[in-house]
N, C-alpha and C. Protein backbone atom coordinates (compact mmCIF):
# COMPACT_ATOMS: atom_id res chain seq x y z
N MET A 1 -3.77 62.00 -11.59
CA MET A 1 -4.52 62.86 -10.70
C MET A 1 -5.99 62.83 -11.11
N ASN A 2 -6.84 62.47 -10.18
CA ASN A 2 -8.27 62.40 -10.43
C ASN A 2 -8.94 63.63 -9.82
N ILE A 3 -9.40 64.55 -10.64
CA ILE A 3 -10.00 65.80 -10.18
C ILE A 3 -11.20 65.54 -9.27
N GLU A 4 -11.97 64.49 -9.54
CA GLU A 4 -13.15 64.20 -8.73
C GLU A 4 -12.79 63.88 -7.29
N ASP A 5 -11.59 63.37 -7.06
CA ASP A 5 -11.15 63.06 -5.71
C ASP A 5 -10.43 64.24 -5.06
N GLY A 6 -10.31 65.35 -5.75
CA GLY A 6 -9.59 66.50 -5.24
C GLY A 6 -8.11 66.39 -5.59
N LEU A 7 -7.40 67.42 -5.33
CA LEU A 7 -5.97 67.45 -5.60
C LEU A 7 -5.24 66.89 -4.38
N VAL A 8 -4.89 65.64 -4.44
CA VAL A 8 -4.21 64.99 -3.32
C VAL A 8 -2.79 64.61 -3.75
N PRO A 9 -1.80 65.25 -3.15
CA PRO A 9 -0.42 64.93 -3.52
C PRO A 9 -0.06 63.50 -3.15
N ARG A 10 0.79 62.89 -3.95
CA ARG A 10 1.24 61.52 -3.72
C ARG A 10 2.66 61.46 -3.17
N LYS A 11 3.41 62.58 -3.35
CA LYS A 11 4.80 62.62 -2.91
C LYS A 11 5.08 64.00 -2.32
N ILE A 12 6.15 64.05 -1.50
CA ILE A 12 6.60 65.33 -0.95
C ILE A 12 8.12 65.26 -0.81
N PHE A 13 8.76 66.41 -1.02
CA PHE A 13 10.18 66.51 -0.71
C PHE A 13 10.43 67.82 0.03
N PHE A 14 11.57 67.89 0.68
CA PHE A 14 11.90 69.04 1.50
C PHE A 14 13.16 69.72 0.97
N THR A 15 13.15 71.06 1.06
CA THR A 15 14.29 71.84 0.59
C THR A 15 14.42 73.09 1.44
N LYS A 16 15.55 73.75 1.31
CA LYS A 16 15.79 74.98 2.08
C LYS A 16 16.80 75.82 1.33
N GLY A 17 16.84 77.13 1.68
CA GLY A 17 17.79 77.99 1.02
C GLY A 17 17.97 79.31 1.74
N VAL A 18 19.03 80.01 1.39
CA VAL A 18 19.31 81.33 1.93
C VAL A 18 19.64 82.26 0.77
N GLY A 19 19.16 83.50 0.85
CA GLY A 19 19.43 84.48 -0.19
C GLY A 19 19.79 85.83 0.40
N ARG A 20 20.63 86.54 -0.32
CA ARG A 20 21.05 87.87 0.11
C ARG A 20 20.94 88.82 -1.08
N ALA A 21 20.39 90.02 -0.82
CA ALA A 21 20.22 91.00 -1.91
C ALA A 21 19.95 92.38 -1.32
N ASN A 22 19.70 93.34 -2.21
CA ASN A 22 19.46 94.72 -1.77
C ASN A 22 18.03 94.97 -1.30
N THR A 23 17.08 94.13 -1.73
CA THR A 23 15.67 94.32 -1.33
C THR A 23 15.12 93.02 -0.74
N HIS A 24 14.03 93.14 -0.01
CA HIS A 24 13.39 91.95 0.58
C HIS A 24 12.92 90.98 -0.50
N LEU A 25 12.31 91.51 -1.57
CA LEU A 25 11.83 90.64 -2.65
C LEU A 25 12.98 89.94 -3.35
N SER A 26 14.05 90.67 -3.63
CA SER A 26 15.21 90.06 -4.29
C SER A 26 15.88 89.02 -3.41
N ALA A 27 15.94 89.26 -2.11
CA ALA A 27 16.52 88.29 -1.18
C ALA A 27 15.65 87.03 -1.13
N PHE A 28 14.32 87.21 -1.16
CA PHE A 28 13.39 86.06 -1.18
C PHE A 28 13.59 85.25 -2.45
N GLU A 29 13.68 85.93 -3.59
CA GLU A 29 13.92 85.25 -4.87
C GLU A 29 15.24 84.48 -4.83
N SER A 30 16.26 85.09 -4.26
CA SER A 30 17.56 84.43 -4.15
C SER A 30 17.48 83.20 -3.23
N ALA A 31 16.72 83.27 -2.15
CA ALA A 31 16.54 82.13 -1.25
C ALA A 31 15.79 81.00 -1.95
N LEU A 32 14.77 81.35 -2.74
CA LEU A 32 14.04 80.34 -3.51
C LEU A 32 14.96 79.69 -4.54
N ARG A 33 15.82 80.48 -5.16
CA ARG A 33 16.78 79.95 -6.12
C ARG A 33 17.74 78.99 -5.41
N SER A 34 18.21 79.37 -4.24
CA SER A 34 19.10 78.51 -3.46
C SER A 34 18.41 77.19 -3.10
N ALA A 35 17.12 77.26 -2.85
CA ALA A 35 16.34 76.05 -2.51
C ALA A 35 15.96 75.25 -3.75
N GLY A 36 16.14 75.82 -4.94
CA GLY A 36 15.82 75.13 -6.18
C GLY A 36 14.40 75.24 -6.64
N ILE A 37 13.64 76.19 -6.08
CA ILE A 37 12.21 76.27 -6.40
C ILE A 37 11.78 77.63 -6.96
N ALA A 38 12.74 78.45 -7.37
CA ALA A 38 12.41 79.78 -7.87
C ALA A 38 11.72 79.75 -9.22
N LYS A 39 11.91 78.70 -10.00
CA LYS A 39 11.35 78.63 -11.36
C LYS A 39 9.88 78.22 -11.38
N LEU A 40 9.29 78.05 -10.19
CA LEU A 40 7.92 77.55 -10.08
C LEU A 40 6.95 78.63 -9.66
N ASN A 41 5.67 78.44 -9.97
CA ASN A 41 4.61 79.30 -9.44
C ASN A 41 4.12 78.65 -8.15
N LEU A 42 4.51 79.23 -7.04
CA LEU A 42 4.29 78.62 -5.74
C LEU A 42 2.95 79.00 -5.13
N VAL A 43 2.26 78.01 -4.60
CA VAL A 43 1.00 78.21 -3.91
C VAL A 43 1.16 77.65 -2.50
N LYS A 44 1.13 78.54 -1.52
CA LYS A 44 1.33 78.14 -0.13
C LYS A 44 0.03 77.53 0.40
N VAL A 45 0.17 76.35 1.00
CA VAL A 45 -0.98 75.65 1.58
C VAL A 45 -0.73 75.40 3.07
N SER A 46 -1.75 74.92 3.74
CA SER A 46 -1.63 74.68 5.18
C SER A 46 -0.96 73.34 5.47
N SER A 47 -1.24 72.75 6.58
CA SER A 47 -0.33 71.83 7.25
C SER A 47 -0.63 70.34 7.19
N ILE A 48 -1.41 69.87 6.24
CA ILE A 48 -1.74 68.44 6.22
C ILE A 48 -0.89 67.69 5.21
N ILE A 49 -0.28 66.60 5.66
CA ILE A 49 0.41 65.68 4.74
C ILE A 49 -0.56 64.52 4.51
N PRO A 50 -0.96 64.29 3.27
CA PRO A 50 -2.00 63.30 2.98
C PRO A 50 -1.61 61.87 3.39
N PRO A 51 -2.62 61.03 3.61
CA PRO A 51 -2.33 59.61 3.88
C PRO A 51 -1.51 59.02 2.73
N ASN A 52 -0.58 58.15 3.08
CA ASN A 52 0.24 57.42 2.10
C ASN A 52 1.08 58.31 1.19
N CYS A 53 1.36 59.53 1.62
CA CYS A 53 2.20 60.43 0.84
C CYS A 53 3.65 60.01 1.05
N GLU A 54 4.33 59.73 -0.05
CA GLU A 54 5.70 59.24 0.01
C GLU A 54 6.70 60.40 0.12
N ILE A 55 7.61 60.30 1.06
CA ILE A 55 8.68 61.29 1.19
C ILE A 55 9.81 60.87 0.25
N ILE A 56 10.17 61.79 -0.65
CA ILE A 56 11.23 61.49 -1.62
C ILE A 56 12.38 62.49 -1.43
N SER A 57 13.49 62.20 -2.04
CA SER A 57 14.64 63.10 -1.95
C SER A 57 14.38 64.37 -2.76
N LYS A 58 15.09 65.41 -2.41
CA LYS A 58 15.00 66.67 -3.14
C LYS A 58 15.39 66.46 -4.60
N GLU A 59 16.44 65.69 -4.83
CA GLU A 59 16.90 65.44 -6.19
C GLU A 59 15.83 64.73 -7.03
N GLU A 60 15.17 63.74 -6.44
CA GLU A 60 14.08 63.06 -7.16
C GLU A 60 12.91 64.01 -7.39
N GLY A 61 12.59 64.81 -6.39
CA GLY A 61 11.49 65.75 -6.50
C GLY A 61 11.67 66.74 -7.63
N PHE A 62 12.91 67.23 -7.78
CA PHE A 62 13.19 68.20 -8.85
C PHE A 62 12.91 67.61 -10.23
N ASN A 63 13.03 66.29 -10.37
CA ASN A 63 12.76 65.64 -11.66
C ASN A 63 11.29 65.76 -12.08
N TYR A 64 10.39 65.95 -11.12
CA TYR A 64 8.96 66.06 -11.43
C TYR A 64 8.53 67.48 -11.78
N LEU A 65 9.38 68.46 -11.53
CA LEU A 65 8.98 69.86 -11.65
C LEU A 65 9.44 70.46 -12.97
N LYS A 66 8.55 71.26 -13.55
CA LYS A 66 8.85 71.94 -14.80
C LYS A 66 8.73 73.44 -14.56
N PRO A 67 9.58 74.24 -15.20
CA PRO A 67 9.50 75.69 -15.02
C PRO A 67 8.08 76.21 -15.27
N GLY A 68 7.63 77.06 -14.38
CA GLY A 68 6.30 77.66 -14.50
C GLY A 68 5.17 76.84 -13.92
N ALA A 69 5.45 75.61 -13.49
CA ALA A 69 4.38 74.75 -12.96
C ALA A 69 3.79 75.34 -11.68
N ILE A 70 2.47 75.27 -11.57
CA ILE A 70 1.82 75.64 -10.32
C ILE A 70 2.14 74.54 -9.32
N THR A 71 2.78 74.93 -8.23
CA THR A 71 3.32 73.96 -7.28
C THR A 71 2.87 74.30 -5.87
N PHE A 72 2.26 73.35 -5.21
CA PHE A 72 1.78 73.55 -3.84
C PHE A 72 2.89 73.19 -2.86
N LEU A 73 3.00 73.99 -1.80
CA LEU A 73 4.03 73.74 -0.80
C LEU A 73 3.64 74.33 0.55
N VAL A 74 4.26 73.81 1.59
CA VAL A 74 4.22 74.42 2.90
C VAL A 74 5.53 75.17 3.01
N LEU A 75 5.45 76.49 3.23
CA LEU A 75 6.63 77.35 3.17
C LEU A 75 6.82 78.12 4.46
N SER A 76 8.03 78.10 4.95
CA SER A 76 8.44 78.93 6.08
C SER A 76 9.45 79.93 5.55
N ARG A 77 9.27 81.21 5.90
CA ARG A 77 10.11 82.28 5.35
C ARG A 77 10.31 83.36 6.40
N ILE A 78 11.55 83.86 6.48
CA ILE A 78 11.82 85.00 7.35
C ILE A 78 12.97 85.78 6.73
N ASP A 79 12.95 87.12 6.88
CA ASP A 79 14.04 87.93 6.36
C ASP A 79 14.30 89.11 7.28
N SER A 80 15.48 89.70 7.11
CA SER A 80 15.87 90.85 7.93
C SER A 80 16.96 91.64 7.22
N ASP A 81 17.03 92.93 7.56
CA ASP A 81 18.12 93.76 7.09
C ASP A 81 18.97 94.28 8.25
N GLU A 82 18.79 93.70 9.43
CA GLU A 82 19.55 94.10 10.61
C GLU A 82 20.86 93.32 10.69
N PRO A 83 22.01 93.99 10.54
CA PRO A 83 23.29 93.29 10.55
C PRO A 83 23.48 92.44 11.81
N ASN A 84 24.07 91.27 11.63
CA ASN A 84 24.37 90.30 12.70
C ASN A 84 23.14 89.64 13.31
N ARG A 85 22.00 89.79 12.69
CA ARG A 85 20.76 89.18 13.20
C ARG A 85 20.70 87.72 12.77
N LEU A 86 20.56 86.81 13.74
CA LEU A 86 20.38 85.38 13.46
C LEU A 86 18.90 85.11 13.27
N MET A 87 18.57 84.33 12.25
CA MET A 87 17.17 83.97 12.01
C MET A 87 17.10 82.57 11.45
N ALA A 88 15.93 81.95 11.61
CA ALA A 88 15.74 80.58 11.13
C ALA A 88 14.32 80.40 10.63
N ALA A 89 14.19 79.59 9.57
CA ALA A 89 12.90 79.18 9.02
C ALA A 89 12.90 77.66 8.99
N SER A 90 11.81 77.06 9.48
CA SER A 90 11.77 75.61 9.60
C SER A 90 10.40 75.06 9.23
N VAL A 91 10.40 73.85 8.66
CA VAL A 91 9.18 73.10 8.43
C VAL A 91 9.32 71.78 9.20
N GLY A 92 8.38 71.53 10.10
CA GLY A 92 8.38 70.29 10.88
C GLY A 92 7.43 69.28 10.25
N LEU A 93 7.67 68.00 10.53
CA LEU A 93 6.90 66.90 9.96
C LEU A 93 6.56 65.89 11.05
N ALA A 94 5.34 65.40 11.05
CA ALA A 94 4.93 64.30 11.94
C ALA A 94 4.01 63.38 11.15
N ILE A 95 4.39 62.10 11.11
CA ILE A 95 3.64 61.11 10.34
C ILE A 95 3.11 60.02 11.29
N PRO A 96 1.83 59.66 11.15
CA PRO A 96 1.28 58.61 12.01
C PRO A 96 1.76 57.22 11.59
N LYS A 97 1.74 56.31 12.53
CA LYS A 97 2.13 54.93 12.25
C LYS A 97 1.20 54.32 11.20
N ASP A 98 -0.09 54.60 11.33
CA ASP A 98 -1.09 54.13 10.37
C ASP A 98 -1.01 55.02 9.13
N LYS A 99 -0.40 54.53 8.07
CA LYS A 99 -0.19 55.32 6.85
C LYS A 99 -1.49 55.74 6.16
N ASP A 100 -2.63 55.14 6.56
CA ASP A 100 -3.91 55.53 5.98
C ASP A 100 -4.48 56.78 6.65
N ASN A 101 -3.81 57.28 7.69
CA ASN A 101 -4.19 58.53 8.35
C ASN A 101 -3.29 59.65 7.84
N TYR A 102 -3.76 60.87 8.00
CA TYR A 102 -2.96 62.02 7.58
C TYR A 102 -1.99 62.45 8.68
N GLY A 103 -0.96 63.15 8.27
CA GLY A 103 0.02 63.69 9.20
C GLY A 103 0.00 65.21 9.15
N TYR A 104 0.99 65.80 9.80
CA TYR A 104 1.05 67.26 9.89
C TYR A 104 2.41 67.81 9.49
N LEU A 105 2.36 68.99 8.91
CA LEU A 105 3.53 69.81 8.65
C LEU A 105 3.33 71.11 9.42
N SER A 106 4.40 71.70 9.89
CA SER A 106 4.29 72.98 10.59
C SER A 106 5.32 73.96 10.06
N GLU A 107 4.97 75.23 10.07
CA GLU A 107 5.90 76.28 9.69
C GLU A 107 6.32 77.01 10.96
N TYR A 108 7.61 77.29 11.06
CA TYR A 108 8.11 78.01 12.23
C TYR A 108 9.23 78.95 11.80
N GLU A 109 9.13 80.20 12.23
CA GLU A 109 10.16 81.19 11.96
C GLU A 109 10.54 81.87 13.27
N ALA A 110 11.83 82.22 13.41
CA ALA A 110 12.26 82.89 14.64
C ALA A 110 13.54 83.67 14.42
N PHE A 111 13.69 84.71 15.19
CA PHE A 111 14.95 85.44 15.28
C PHE A 111 15.69 84.94 16.50
N GLY A 112 17.01 84.88 16.40
CA GLY A 112 17.84 84.53 17.54
C GLY A 112 17.90 83.05 17.88
N GLU A 113 17.45 82.18 16.96
CA GLU A 113 17.47 80.74 17.21
C GLU A 113 18.30 80.02 16.15
N THR A 114 19.04 79.02 16.60
CA THR A 114 19.85 78.20 15.71
C THR A 114 18.97 77.22 14.95
N ASP A 115 19.58 76.54 13.96
CA ASP A 115 18.89 75.47 13.23
C ASP A 115 18.30 74.46 14.20
N GLU A 116 19.10 74.03 15.15
CA GLU A 116 18.68 72.98 16.08
C GLU A 116 17.47 73.38 16.91
N ILE A 117 17.51 74.57 17.49
CA ILE A 117 16.41 75.02 18.34
C ILE A 117 15.14 75.24 17.52
N ALA A 118 15.25 75.96 16.41
CA ALA A 118 14.08 76.22 15.56
C ALA A 118 13.52 74.91 15.00
N GLY A 119 14.41 73.99 14.60
CA GLY A 119 13.97 72.71 14.07
C GLY A 119 13.21 71.89 15.10
N GLU A 120 13.71 71.86 16.34
CA GLU A 120 12.99 71.14 17.40
C GLU A 120 11.62 71.74 17.65
N LYS A 121 11.52 73.06 17.60
CA LYS A 121 10.22 73.72 17.82
C LYS A 121 9.24 73.40 16.68
N ALA A 122 9.73 73.39 15.45
CA ALA A 122 8.87 73.06 14.31
C ALA A 122 8.40 71.60 14.40
N GLU A 123 9.32 70.72 14.76
CA GLU A 123 9.00 69.30 14.91
C GLU A 123 7.98 69.10 16.04
N ASP A 124 8.18 69.82 17.13
CA ASP A 124 7.27 69.77 18.28
C ASP A 124 5.87 70.23 17.86
N LEU A 125 5.79 71.31 17.10
CA LEU A 125 4.48 71.81 16.64
C LEU A 125 3.75 70.76 15.81
N ALA A 126 4.45 70.18 14.83
CA ALA A 126 3.82 69.18 13.96
C ALA A 126 3.39 67.96 14.77
N ALA A 127 4.26 67.48 15.64
CA ALA A 127 3.95 66.29 16.44
C ALA A 127 2.81 66.55 17.41
N SER A 128 2.78 67.74 17.99
CA SER A 128 1.70 68.07 18.93
C SER A 128 0.35 68.15 18.22
N MET A 129 0.33 68.72 17.01
CA MET A 129 -0.93 68.76 16.26
C MET A 129 -1.40 67.36 15.92
N LEU A 130 -0.47 66.51 15.48
CA LEU A 130 -0.84 65.13 15.16
C LEU A 130 -1.29 64.38 16.41
N ALA A 131 -0.56 64.53 17.49
CA ALA A 131 -0.90 63.84 18.74
C ALA A 131 -2.31 64.21 19.21
N SER A 132 -2.66 65.48 19.08
CA SER A 132 -3.99 65.90 19.53
C SER A 132 -5.10 65.27 18.69
N THR A 133 -4.86 65.06 17.39
CA THR A 133 -5.88 64.43 16.55
C THR A 133 -5.96 62.93 16.78
N LEU A 134 -4.85 62.34 17.27
CA LEU A 134 -4.82 60.89 17.53
C LEU A 134 -5.27 60.54 18.94
N GLY A 135 -5.58 61.57 19.73
CA GLY A 135 -6.04 61.32 21.10
C GLY A 135 -4.93 60.95 22.08
N ILE A 136 -3.70 61.33 21.77
CA ILE A 136 -2.59 61.07 22.68
C ILE A 136 -2.59 62.14 23.76
N ASP A 137 -2.61 61.70 25.00
CA ASP A 137 -2.62 62.62 26.13
C ASP A 137 -1.19 63.07 26.43
N PHE A 138 -0.94 64.37 26.42
CA PHE A 138 0.40 64.89 26.70
C PHE A 138 0.28 66.27 27.33
N ASP A 139 1.33 66.67 28.00
CA ASP A 139 1.40 67.98 28.65
C ASP A 139 2.02 68.97 27.67
N VAL A 140 1.24 69.95 27.25
CA VAL A 140 1.73 70.92 26.26
C VAL A 140 2.91 71.72 26.79
N ASN A 141 3.07 71.80 28.10
CA ASN A 141 4.15 72.57 28.69
C ASN A 141 5.46 71.80 28.84
N GLN A 142 5.45 70.51 28.52
CA GLN A 142 6.67 69.72 28.60
C GLN A 142 7.66 70.14 27.52
N ALA A 143 8.94 69.91 27.79
CA ALA A 143 9.97 70.14 26.79
C ALA A 143 9.78 69.13 25.66
N TRP A 144 10.30 69.47 24.45
CA TRP A 144 10.13 68.62 23.28
C TRP A 144 10.63 67.21 23.53
N ASP A 145 11.78 67.02 24.16
CA ASP A 145 12.31 65.66 24.34
C ASP A 145 11.40 64.81 25.21
N GLU A 146 10.71 65.41 26.18
CA GLU A 146 9.75 64.67 27.01
C GLU A 146 8.49 64.33 26.22
N LYS A 147 7.98 65.30 25.46
CA LYS A 147 6.80 65.03 24.63
C LYS A 147 7.12 63.97 23.59
N GLU A 148 8.31 64.04 23.01
CA GLU A 148 8.71 63.06 22.00
C GLU A 148 8.67 61.64 22.57
N LYS A 149 9.13 61.47 23.79
CA LYS A 149 9.08 60.16 24.45
C LYS A 149 7.63 59.69 24.59
N THR A 150 6.76 60.60 25.02
CA THR A 150 5.34 60.27 25.18
C THR A 150 4.74 59.86 23.84
N PHE A 151 5.05 60.61 22.79
CA PHE A 151 4.51 60.32 21.46
C PHE A 151 4.99 58.96 20.96
N ARG A 152 6.28 58.68 21.16
CA ARG A 152 6.84 57.39 20.72
C ARG A 152 6.23 56.23 21.49
N MET A 153 6.04 56.41 22.80
CA MET A 153 5.49 55.34 23.63
C MET A 153 4.03 55.05 23.28
N SER A 154 3.33 56.04 22.72
CA SER A 154 1.93 55.83 22.33
C SER A 154 1.83 54.84 21.18
N ASN A 155 2.93 54.67 20.44
CA ASN A 155 2.98 53.77 19.28
C ASN A 155 2.02 54.22 18.16
N LYS A 156 1.68 55.51 18.15
CA LYS A 156 0.78 56.03 17.12
C LYS A 156 1.48 56.97 16.14
N ILE A 157 2.66 57.49 16.54
CA ILE A 157 3.42 58.39 15.67
C ILE A 157 4.71 57.67 15.31
N VAL A 158 4.95 57.53 14.02
CA VAL A 158 6.10 56.75 13.58
C VAL A 158 7.32 57.61 13.24
N LYS A 159 7.09 58.85 12.80
CA LYS A 159 8.23 59.65 12.37
C LYS A 159 7.98 61.13 12.61
N THR A 160 9.00 61.79 13.14
CA THR A 160 9.02 63.25 13.19
C THR A 160 10.37 63.71 12.67
N SER A 161 10.37 64.84 12.00
CA SER A 161 11.63 65.41 11.51
C SER A 161 11.39 66.87 11.16
N HIS A 162 12.43 67.52 10.66
CA HIS A 162 12.30 68.91 10.24
C HIS A 162 13.37 69.23 9.20
N VAL A 163 13.12 70.28 8.44
CA VAL A 163 14.14 70.87 7.58
C VAL A 163 14.21 72.34 7.97
N THR A 164 15.43 72.80 8.28
CA THR A 164 15.59 74.13 8.84
C THR A 164 16.77 74.83 8.16
N GLN A 165 16.57 76.11 7.89
CA GLN A 165 17.65 76.95 7.35
C GLN A 165 17.81 78.16 8.26
N SER A 166 19.02 78.41 8.70
CA SER A 166 19.29 79.62 9.46
C SER A 166 20.39 80.40 8.77
N ALA A 167 20.50 81.67 9.12
CA ALA A 167 21.57 82.52 8.58
C ALA A 167 21.70 83.74 9.48
N VAL A 168 22.84 84.38 9.38
CA VAL A 168 23.10 85.63 10.05
C VAL A 168 23.21 86.71 8.98
N VAL A 169 22.54 87.83 9.19
CA VAL A 169 22.62 88.93 8.24
C VAL A 169 24.03 89.50 8.31
N SER A 170 24.69 89.54 7.17
CA SER A 170 26.06 90.07 7.14
C SER A 170 26.04 91.60 7.11
N ARG A 171 27.14 92.19 7.47
CA ARG A 171 27.23 93.65 7.52
C ARG A 171 27.18 94.28 6.13
N ASP A 172 27.65 93.55 5.12
CA ASP A 172 27.73 94.12 3.78
C ASP A 172 26.52 93.79 2.90
N THR A 173 25.53 93.11 3.47
CA THR A 173 24.32 92.76 2.72
C THR A 173 23.15 93.53 3.30
N LYS A 174 22.31 94.07 2.44
CA LYS A 174 21.18 94.84 2.94
C LYS A 174 20.08 93.94 3.51
N VAL A 175 19.77 92.83 2.83
CA VAL A 175 18.69 91.94 3.28
C VAL A 175 19.13 90.49 3.13
N THR A 176 18.82 89.68 4.13
CA THR A 176 19.03 88.24 4.07
C THR A 176 17.68 87.57 4.30
N CYS A 177 17.41 86.53 3.52
CA CYS A 177 16.16 85.77 3.64
C CYS A 177 16.49 84.29 3.72
N VAL A 178 15.78 83.57 4.60
CA VAL A 178 15.91 82.11 4.66
C VAL A 178 14.54 81.49 4.45
N VAL A 179 14.53 80.35 3.75
CA VAL A 179 13.30 79.61 3.50
C VAL A 179 13.51 78.13 3.76
N SER A 180 12.44 77.48 4.16
CA SER A 180 12.36 76.02 4.23
C SER A 180 11.01 75.65 3.66
N ALA A 181 10.95 74.49 2.98
CA ALA A 181 9.69 74.13 2.33
C ALA A 181 9.49 72.63 2.24
N GLY A 182 8.24 72.23 2.33
CA GLY A 182 7.80 70.90 1.97
C GLY A 182 7.04 71.04 0.66
N VAL A 183 7.55 70.46 -0.42
CA VAL A 183 7.01 70.67 -1.76
C VAL A 183 6.23 69.42 -2.19
N PHE A 184 4.96 69.62 -2.53
CA PHE A 184 4.10 68.51 -2.91
C PHE A 184 4.22 68.17 -4.40
N ILE A 185 4.16 66.89 -4.69
CA ILE A 185 4.18 66.38 -6.06
C ILE A 185 2.89 65.58 -6.28
N PHE A 186 2.23 65.81 -7.43
CA PHE A 186 0.98 65.10 -7.74
C PHE A 186 1.23 63.97 -8.70
């Protein structure tokens, strides 16, 4: 890592988790533990994936992390104490074909949405942000599958995806929390 060039991550991995506890903070801690990132000092950052940033597996990513390390991530989080409430937290990803350009990550949280619906919305957000910076003309009101076709046909976006965690608050649990994250490695 060259400080003069700024802190630019070279790798990223994605993780997700769900936690249940008596308080919102304890449920959040439990969700972070489920995601494997509770032992870190987390710093939430915004939505840019650097040029040439390699996507690695969660298992490989954990090998780079040490307890207490200051760790930058894009984090999506939602919690509730309302029994039977469905909720989802998602991080979307969009990478340009030209690896020397930056891509986008998006955070999306919602009540009443499944993994699939929340994940598509997160992916749509990331792809739409990237498409707008690449000058791809698209209708913001189109459904995700139509926009995805437009983005693919432009030949400027090579990959979109998401990591999403959903859960339903159980009757016997006071608080449920779900998290999804893109974790940067330097």
